[in-house]
N, C-alpha and C. Protein backbone atom coordinates (compact mmCIF):
# COMPACT_ATOMS: atom_id res chain seq x y z
N MET A 1 -4.74 5.69 6.31
CA MET A 1 -4.96 4.24 5.68
C MET A 1 -4.07 3.91 4.75
N ASN A 2 -3.41 2.79 5.02
CA ASN A 2 -2.19 2.44 3.99
C ASN A 2 -2.66 1.32 3.21
N LYS A 3 -3.40 0.34 3.54
CA LYS A 3 -3.76 -0.70 2.79
C LYS A 3 -5.33 -0.89 2.84
N TYR A 4 -5.95 -1.37 2.03
CA TYR A 4 -7.32 -1.75 2.17
C TYR A 4 -7.67 -3.15 1.35
N LEU A 5 -8.83 -3.76 1.82
CA LEU A 5 -9.26 -4.94 1.21
C LEU A 5 -10.71 -4.90 1.10
N CYS A 6 -11.21 -5.01 0.13
CA CYS A 6 -12.63 -5.30 -0.10
C CYS A 6 -13.07 -6.51 -0.75
N LEU A 7 -14.04 -7.06 -0.35
CA LEU A 7 -14.33 -8.31 -0.81
C LEU A 7 -15.99 -8.24 -1.19
N TYR A 8 -16.27 -9.06 -2.23
CA TYR A 8 -17.63 -9.07 -2.62
C TYR A 8 -18.11 -10.51 -1.82
N ILE A 9 -19.25 -10.31 -1.23
CA ILE A 9 -19.77 -11.66 -0.74
C ILE A 9 -20.84 -11.96 -1.67
N GLN A 10 -20.60 -13.19 -2.38
CA GLN A 10 -21.49 -13.61 -3.18
C GLN A 10 -22.52 -14.67 -2.42
N GLU A 11 -23.69 -14.62 -3.04
CA GLU A 11 -24.54 -15.43 -2.51
C GLU A 11 -24.28 -16.90 -2.86
N GLU A 12 -24.49 -17.91 -2.01
CA GLU A 12 -24.09 -19.16 -2.21
C GLU A 12 -25.54 -19.93 -2.25
N PRO A 13 -25.66 -20.83 -3.28
CA PRO A 13 -26.98 -21.46 -3.33
C PRO A 13 -27.30 -22.15 -2.04
N GLY A 14 -28.63 -22.11 -1.49
CA GLY A 14 -28.94 -22.77 -0.28
C GLY A 14 -28.71 -22.03 0.91
N THR A 15 -27.99 -20.85 0.91
CA THR A 15 -27.68 -20.14 2.14
C THR A 15 -28.78 -19.15 2.45
N PRO A 16 -28.76 -18.42 3.43
CA PRO A 16 -29.68 -17.42 3.90
C PRO A 16 -29.37 -16.28 2.88
N ALA A 17 -28.30 -15.91 2.60
CA ALA A 17 -28.12 -14.74 1.72
C ALA A 17 -28.66 -15.04 0.40
N ASP A 18 -28.65 -16.27 -0.12
CA ASP A 18 -29.12 -16.56 -1.54
C ASP A 18 -30.56 -16.27 -1.39
N ARG A 19 -31.37 -16.54 -0.29
CA ARG A 19 -32.80 -16.34 -0.35
C ARG A 19 -33.30 -15.01 -0.08
N MET A 20 -32.47 -13.97 0.25
CA MET A 20 -32.73 -12.73 0.73
C MET A 20 -33.34 -11.86 -0.57
N GLU A 21 -34.33 -11.04 -0.33
CA GLU A 21 -34.87 -10.34 -1.43
C GLU A 21 -33.98 -9.02 -1.43
N ASN A 22 -34.41 -8.30 -2.66
CA ASN A 22 -33.67 -7.08 -2.96
C ASN A 22 -32.16 -7.19 -2.97
N GLN A 23 -31.56 -8.08 -3.67
CA GLN A 23 -30.19 -8.24 -3.93
C GLN A 23 -29.84 -7.15 -4.75
N VAL A 24 -28.61 -6.64 -4.55
CA VAL A 24 -27.89 -5.61 -5.18
C VAL A 24 -27.28 -6.14 -6.50
N PRO A 25 -27.60 -5.55 -7.50
CA PRO A 25 -27.16 -6.26 -8.97
C PRO A 25 -25.43 -6.04 -8.97
N GLU A 26 -25.13 -6.93 -9.61
CA GLU A 26 -23.63 -7.07 -9.79
C GLU A 26 -23.02 -5.86 -10.27
N ASP A 27 -23.59 -5.12 -11.34
CA ASP A 27 -23.16 -3.93 -12.12
C ASP A 27 -23.09 -2.88 -10.94
N ILE A 28 -24.06 -2.85 -10.07
CA ILE A 28 -24.14 -1.86 -9.02
C ILE A 28 -22.83 -2.08 -7.95
N LYS A 29 -22.57 -3.32 -7.64
CA LYS A 29 -21.70 -3.66 -6.75
C LYS A 29 -20.41 -3.20 -7.39
N HIS A 30 -20.24 -3.65 -8.69
CA HIS A 30 -18.86 -3.32 -9.18
C HIS A 30 -18.57 -1.90 -9.11
N GLU A 31 -19.58 -1.08 -9.63
CA GLU A 31 -19.42 0.50 -9.69
C GLU A 31 -19.27 1.28 -8.28
N ARG A 32 -19.76 0.62 -7.21
CA ARG A 32 -19.62 0.99 -5.81
C ARG A 32 -18.10 0.72 -5.52
N PHE A 33 -17.72 -0.25 -5.81
CA PHE A 33 -16.44 -0.96 -5.59
C PHE A 33 -15.23 -0.10 -6.21
N ASP A 34 -15.56 0.33 -7.45
CA ASP A 34 -14.73 1.18 -8.23
C ASP A 34 -14.54 2.37 -7.71
N ARG A 35 -15.67 3.08 -7.20
CA ARG A 35 -15.73 4.38 -6.61
C ARG A 35 -14.84 4.51 -5.29
N LEU A 36 -15.23 3.49 -4.50
CA LEU A 36 -14.52 3.15 -3.35
C LEU A 36 -12.99 3.13 -3.28
N LYS A 37 -12.48 2.24 -4.30
CA LYS A 37 -11.16 2.12 -4.71
C LYS A 37 -10.44 3.40 -5.24
N GLU A 38 -11.15 4.20 -6.03
CA GLU A 38 -10.54 5.51 -6.60
C GLU A 38 -10.49 6.32 -5.42
N LEU A 39 -11.55 6.48 -4.54
CA LEU A 39 -11.27 7.33 -3.44
C LEU A 39 -10.30 6.91 -2.42
N VAL A 40 -10.23 5.83 -2.06
CA VAL A 40 -9.02 5.29 -1.17
C VAL A 40 -7.72 5.58 -2.01
N GLU A 41 -7.40 5.17 -3.12
CA GLU A 41 -6.23 5.27 -3.78
C GLU A 41 -5.78 6.92 -3.82
N SER A 42 -6.77 7.84 -4.10
CA SER A 42 -6.44 9.17 -4.12
C SER A 42 -6.02 9.65 -2.68
N GLN A 43 -6.63 9.25 -1.74
CA GLN A 43 -6.14 9.47 -0.52
C GLN A 43 -4.79 9.06 -0.11
N ILE A 44 -4.44 7.77 -0.48
CA ILE A 44 -3.15 7.26 -0.26
C ILE A 44 -2.25 8.11 -1.02
N GLU A 45 -2.48 8.35 -2.21
CA GLU A 45 -1.45 9.28 -2.86
C GLU A 45 -1.25 10.82 -2.30
N GLU A 46 -2.43 11.18 -1.78
CA GLU A 46 -2.27 12.66 -1.27
C GLU A 46 -1.40 12.27 0.06
N ASN A 47 -1.64 11.46 0.82
CA ASN A 47 -0.88 11.27 1.93
C ASN A 47 0.62 11.02 1.77
N ASN A 48 0.89 10.11 0.82
CA ASN A 48 2.34 9.65 0.35
C ASN A 48 2.95 11.03 -0.26
N LYS A 49 2.30 11.72 -0.68
CA LYS A 49 3.00 13.00 -1.39
C LYS A 49 3.66 13.94 -0.17
N LYS A 50 3.15 13.95 0.93
CA LYS A 50 3.54 14.80 2.01
C LYS A 50 5.00 14.37 2.44
N TYR A 51 5.56 12.99 2.13
CA TYR A 51 6.90 12.60 2.34
C TYR A 51 7.92 12.91 1.45
N ILE A 52 7.32 13.34 0.21
CA ILE A 52 8.55 13.68 -0.64
C ILE A 52 9.21 14.88 -0.32
N GLY A 53 10.76 14.71 -0.21
CA GLY A 53 11.57 15.86 0.16
C GLY A 53 12.01 15.67 1.55
N LYS A 54 11.32 14.96 2.24
CA LYS A 54 11.71 14.64 3.81
C LYS A 54 12.56 13.76 4.21
N ILE A 55 13.34 13.73 5.14
CA ILE A 55 14.17 12.75 5.65
C ILE A 55 13.45 11.70 6.70
N GLU A 56 13.39 10.48 6.45
CA GLU A 56 12.78 9.67 7.53
C GLU A 56 13.81 8.44 7.97
N LYS A 57 13.56 8.38 9.24
CA LYS A 57 14.42 7.28 9.76
C LYS A 57 13.94 6.00 9.37
N VAL A 58 14.68 5.02 8.75
CA VAL A 58 14.08 3.96 8.18
C VAL A 58 14.95 2.62 8.81
N LEU A 59 14.21 1.66 9.19
CA LEU A 59 14.85 0.44 9.71
C LEU A 59 15.21 -0.54 8.38
N VAL A 60 16.23 -0.61 7.93
CA VAL A 60 16.52 -1.48 6.73
C VAL A 60 16.27 -2.88 7.06
N GLU A 61 15.30 -3.50 6.15
CA GLU A 61 14.81 -4.89 6.49
C GLU A 61 15.40 -5.88 5.67
N GLY A 62 15.89 -5.51 4.32
CA GLY A 62 16.42 -6.47 3.54
C GLY A 62 16.29 -6.11 2.08
N ASN A 63 16.54 -6.98 1.01
CA ASN A 63 16.57 -6.82 -0.27
C ASN A 63 14.78 -6.47 -0.67
N SER A 64 14.75 -5.85 -1.48
CA SER A 64 13.38 -5.40 -2.01
C SER A 64 13.10 -6.78 -2.77
N LYS A 65 11.77 -7.23 -2.75
CA LYS A 65 11.33 -8.58 -3.30
C LYS A 65 11.28 -8.45 -4.97
N ASN A 66 11.28 -7.21 -5.38
CA ASN A 66 11.23 -6.97 -6.91
C ASN A 66 12.32 -6.62 -7.64
N ASP A 67 13.37 -6.04 -6.76
CA ASP A 67 14.66 -5.75 -7.40
C ASP A 67 15.70 -6.05 -6.39
N GLU A 68 16.63 -6.99 -6.66
CA GLU A 68 17.71 -7.34 -5.64
C GLU A 68 18.78 -6.33 -5.52
N THR A 69 18.83 -5.23 -6.52
CA THR A 69 19.78 -4.20 -6.27
C THR A 69 19.10 -3.09 -5.31
N MET A 70 17.98 -3.08 -4.85
CA MET A 70 17.40 -2.26 -4.00
C MET A 70 17.19 -2.88 -2.76
N LEU A 71 17.26 -2.14 -1.47
CA LEU A 71 17.10 -2.46 -0.26
C LEU A 71 15.49 -1.84 0.08
N THR A 72 15.03 -2.51 1.07
CA THR A 72 13.79 -2.14 1.32
C THR A 72 13.70 -1.96 3.03
N GLY A 73 12.69 -1.01 3.68
CA GLY A 73 12.68 -0.93 4.93
C GLY A 73 11.56 -0.23 5.28
N ARG A 74 11.30 0.20 6.79
CA ARG A 74 9.89 0.71 7.23
C ARG A 74 10.40 1.92 8.00
N THR A 75 9.50 3.02 7.80
CA THR A 75 9.48 4.09 8.88
C THR A 75 8.95 3.75 10.09
N ASP A 76 8.91 4.82 10.86
CA ASP A 76 8.49 4.40 12.26
C ASP A 76 6.96 4.47 12.09
N SER A 77 6.37 4.98 11.04
CA SER A 77 4.81 4.93 10.67
C SER A 77 4.66 3.64 9.91
N ASN A 78 5.45 2.81 9.77
CA ASN A 78 5.35 1.67 8.92
C ASN A 78 5.02 1.83 7.41
N LYS A 79 5.63 2.90 6.94
CA LYS A 79 5.64 3.10 5.53
C LYS A 79 6.96 2.28 4.87
N VAL A 80 6.67 1.61 3.92
CA VAL A 80 7.68 0.85 3.24
C VAL A 80 8.43 1.86 2.19
N VAL A 81 9.71 1.74 2.40
CA VAL A 81 10.70 2.58 1.61
C VAL A 81 11.63 1.73 0.90
N VAL A 82 11.84 2.11 -0.52
CA VAL A 82 12.65 1.11 -1.28
C VAL A 82 13.92 2.25 -1.62
N PHE A 83 15.11 1.74 -1.61
CA PHE A 83 16.15 2.52 -2.04
C PHE A 83 17.36 1.86 -2.47
N GLU A 84 18.60 2.31 -2.96
CA GLU A 84 19.68 1.74 -3.37
C GLU A 84 20.56 1.85 -2.26
N GLY A 85 21.38 0.55 -1.81
CA GLY A 85 22.20 0.52 -0.54
C GLY A 85 22.77 -0.67 -0.73
N ASP A 86 23.91 -0.72 0.17
CA ASP A 86 24.67 -1.89 0.41
C ASP A 86 24.04 -2.83 1.26
N LYS A 87 24.14 -4.23 1.23
CA LYS A 87 23.41 -5.07 2.06
C LYS A 87 23.97 -5.03 3.42
N ASN A 88 25.21 -4.52 3.76
CA ASN A 88 25.52 -4.52 5.08
C ASN A 88 24.81 -3.47 5.98
N LEU A 89 23.89 -2.43 5.16
CA LEU A 89 23.04 -1.61 6.01
C LEU A 89 21.65 -2.44 6.51
N ILE A 90 21.41 -3.70 6.08
CA ILE A 90 20.31 -4.60 6.49
C ILE A 90 20.46 -4.69 8.30
N GLY A 91 19.35 -4.24 8.84
CA GLY A 91 19.37 -4.33 10.29
C GLY A 91 19.74 -3.20 11.07
N THR A 92 19.94 -2.09 10.28
CA THR A 92 20.33 -0.67 10.77
C THR A 92 19.37 0.40 10.60
N MET A 93 19.33 1.37 11.36
CA MET A 93 18.44 2.46 10.92
C MET A 93 19.31 3.45 10.05
N GLN A 94 18.61 3.94 9.10
CA GLN A 94 19.06 5.07 8.25
C GLN A 94 18.21 6.01 7.92
N ASP A 95 19.05 7.40 7.95
CA ASP A 95 18.10 8.46 7.36
C ASP A 95 18.14 8.36 5.93
N ILE A 96 16.96 8.16 5.25
CA ILE A 96 16.58 8.20 4.03
C ILE A 96 15.64 9.45 3.50
N LYS A 97 16.23 10.13 2.44
CA LYS A 97 15.50 11.20 1.84
C LYS A 97 14.35 10.48 0.87
N ILE A 98 13.10 11.02 1.17
CA ILE A 98 12.14 10.41 0.16
C ILE A 98 12.22 11.35 -1.07
N ILE A 99 12.22 10.61 -2.26
CA ILE A 99 12.35 11.21 -3.50
C ILE A 99 11.08 11.22 -4.41
N SER A 100 10.38 9.98 -3.99
CA SER A 100 9.09 9.84 -4.97
C SER A 100 7.99 9.08 -4.29
N GLU A 101 6.93 9.09 -4.62
CA GLU A 101 5.77 8.23 -3.85
C GLU A 101 5.07 7.16 -4.91
N HIS A 102 4.76 6.18 -4.53
CA HIS A 102 4.24 5.26 -5.14
C HIS A 102 2.87 4.68 -4.44
N MET A 103 2.03 4.05 -4.97
CA MET A 103 0.84 3.44 -4.55
C MET A 103 1.12 2.89 -3.00
N TRP A 104 2.15 1.90 -3.09
CA TRP A 104 2.14 1.08 -1.90
C TRP A 104 3.68 1.22 -1.40
N TYR A 105 4.45 1.99 -1.87
CA TYR A 105 5.67 2.43 -1.17
C TYR A 105 6.39 3.74 -1.47
N LEU A 106 7.23 4.15 -0.63
CA LEU A 106 7.93 5.38 -1.02
C LEU A 106 9.36 4.99 -1.76
N LYS A 107 10.04 5.88 -2.52
CA LYS A 107 11.10 5.56 -2.97
C LYS A 107 12.08 6.66 -2.27
N GLY A 108 13.28 6.21 -1.92
CA GLY A 108 14.22 7.19 -1.29
C GLY A 108 15.67 6.86 -1.52
N GLU A 109 16.59 7.78 -1.17
CA GLU A 109 17.94 7.62 -1.39
C GLU A 109 18.71 8.03 0.02
N LEU A 110 19.72 7.41 0.13
CA LEU A 110 20.54 7.69 1.27
C LEU A 110 21.14 9.26 1.36
């Protein structure tokens, strides 16, 4: 599981959900969401750590959105990898050594 999205569905006045009995209190909704988020993020971290030290084939897509000096690409399993490199690598496949993990991407080096 790489990404997740959780929404709270709030009752809108006049809708059937608004008239339902036994509504879950907001504090319980938030507590459940926080527990779910913590679990999912720990699983993402555990999975991403497996990549550290490995060499992955990466399709170089372009410059990183957050740092123009970095390139970004994707592995064959759709993991985002950010690394330093020349712009002439865009559109090519490169062997990238994964050096660290972050919640939503891996950091690598050529």
